[in-house]
């Protein structure tokens, strides 16, 4: 499956990642990521690196028509993939970073 720009943007939103975050994790330049998200073609290696970084973070890519008859590509977050951090009652000076 080929990653599309809308999936990339949606995946970043699910993870609450900035473009800087994804570019760093995927080891691509910010310009490459911005171009891809704007719909420009980038080298396949860059696209694969983006998809790999997002997958490693818990993103599952959905192919066109794979889940519903309504069609369209999408993303979802794998169960347990999101680390929501400490609950407010668990915060203390001992775990303050």
Protein backbone atom coordinates (compact mmCIF):
# COMPACT_ATOMS: atom_id res chain seq x y z
CA UNK A 1 0.00 0.00 0.00
CA UNK A 2 1.24 3.47 -0.83
CA UNK A 3 1.05 6.10 1.89
CA UNK A 4 -0.96 9.16 0.87
CA UNK A 5 -0.55 12.67 2.25
CA UNK A 6 -3.95 12.68 4.00
CA UNK A 7 -3.02 9.51 5.89
CA UNK A 8 0.26 11.05 6.95
CA UNK A 9 -1.44 14.17 8.30
CA UNK A 10 -4.16 12.12 10.04
CA UNK A 11 -1.59 9.79 11.60
CA UNK A 12 0.37 12.73 12.96
CA UNK A 13 -2.84 14.12 14.45
CA UNK A 14 -3.63 10.81 16.17
CA UNK A 15 -0.16 10.75 17.68
CA UNK A 16 -0.20 14.47 18.47
CA UNK A 17 3.10 14.79 16.57
CA UNK A 18 4.32 17.92 14.84
CA UNK A 19 5.96 17.81 11.44
CA UNK A 20 9.28 18.23 13.25
CA UNK A 21 8.55 15.14 15.37
CA UNK A 22 7.73 12.93 12.41
CA UNK A 23 10.64 14.19 10.33
CA UNK A 24 13.01 13.41 13.22
CA UNK A 25 11.58 9.92 13.88
CA UNK A 26 11.54 9.06 10.17
CA UNK A 27 14.97 10.60 9.57
CA UNK A 28 13.79 12.69 6.66
CA UNK A 29 14.14 16.42 6.22
CA UNK A 30 11.35 18.71 7.28
CA UNK A 31 11.21 19.98 3.68
CA UNK A 32 10.65 16.40 2.43
CA UNK A 33 7.82 15.82 4.89
CA UNK A 34 6.20 19.19 4.17
CA UNK A 35 6.37 18.53 0.43
CA UNK A 36 4.80 15.09 0.87
CA UNK A 37 1.99 16.42 3.05
CA UNK A 38 1.36 19.11 0.42
CA UNK A 39 0.80 16.36 -2.15
CA UNK A 40 4.16 16.51 -3.90
CA UNK A 41 5.97 13.35 -4.94
CA UNK A 42 8.99 12.40 -2.84
CA UNK A 43 11.48 9.54 -3.26
CA UNK A 44 10.05 6.13 -2.36
CA UNK A 45 12.68 5.74 0.36
CA UNK A 46 11.29 8.84 2.09
CA UNK A 47 7.73 7.56 1.84
CA UNK A 48 8.78 4.20 3.27
CA UNK A 49 10.64 5.92 6.12
CA UNK A 50 7.55 7.97 7.00
CA UNK A 51 5.31 4.91 6.94
CA UNK A 52 7.77 2.90 9.03
CA UNK A 53 8.05 5.60 11.70
CA UNK A 54 4.28 5.94 11.94
CA UNK A 55 3.77 2.17 12.05
CA UNK A 56 6.38 1.84 14.80
CA UNK A 57 4.42 4.42 16.81
CA UNK A 58 1.23 2.35 16.53
CA UNK A 59 -0.45 3.60 13.38
CA UNK A 60 -2.33 1.09 11.22
CA UNK A 61 -2.94 2.13 7.63
CA UNK A 62 -6.29 1.28 6.04
CA UNK A 63 -6.47 0.66 2.30
CA UNK A 64 -9.22 2.08 0.12
CA UNK A 65 -12.38 0.03 0.72
CA UNK A 66 -10.67 -2.37 3.14
CA UNK A 67 -12.94 -1.79 6.13
CA UNK A 68 -16.19 -0.47 4.78
CA UNK A 69 -18.11 -0.23 1.56
CA UNK A 70 -17.78 3.53 1.80
CA UNK A 71 -14.19 3.31 0.60
CA UNK A 72 -11.37 5.75 1.09
CA UNK A 73 -8.03 5.39 2.76
CA UNK A 74 -7.56 5.97 6.45
CA UNK A 75 -5.56 5.35 9.60
CA UNK A 76 -6.24 4.04 13.04
CA UNK A 77 -4.25 3.80 16.24
CA UNK A 78 -3.40 0.29 17.41
CA UNK A 79 -4.78 -0.57 20.87
CA UNK A 80 -2.37 0.37 23.62
CA UNK A 81 -0.13 2.36 21.28
CA UNK A 82 -0.79 5.75 22.82
CA UNK A 83 1.09 6.55 25.99
CA UNK A 84 -1.12 9.07 27.71
CA UNK A 85 1.41 9.66 30.47
CA UNK A 86 0.64 10.01 34.13
CA UNK A 87 -2.78 10.83 35.48
CA UNK A 88 -2.96 14.10 37.44
CA UNK A 89 -3.19 12.30 40.78
CA UNK A 90 0.08 10.47 39.96
CA UNK A 91 2.09 13.65 39.40
CA UNK A 92 4.69 14.61 41.96
CA UNK A 93 8.03 16.35 42.17
CA UNK A 94 9.68 12.91 41.99
CA UNK A 95 8.43 12.23 38.45
CA UNK A 96 8.65 15.79 37.13
CA UNK A 97 10.83 15.95 34.03
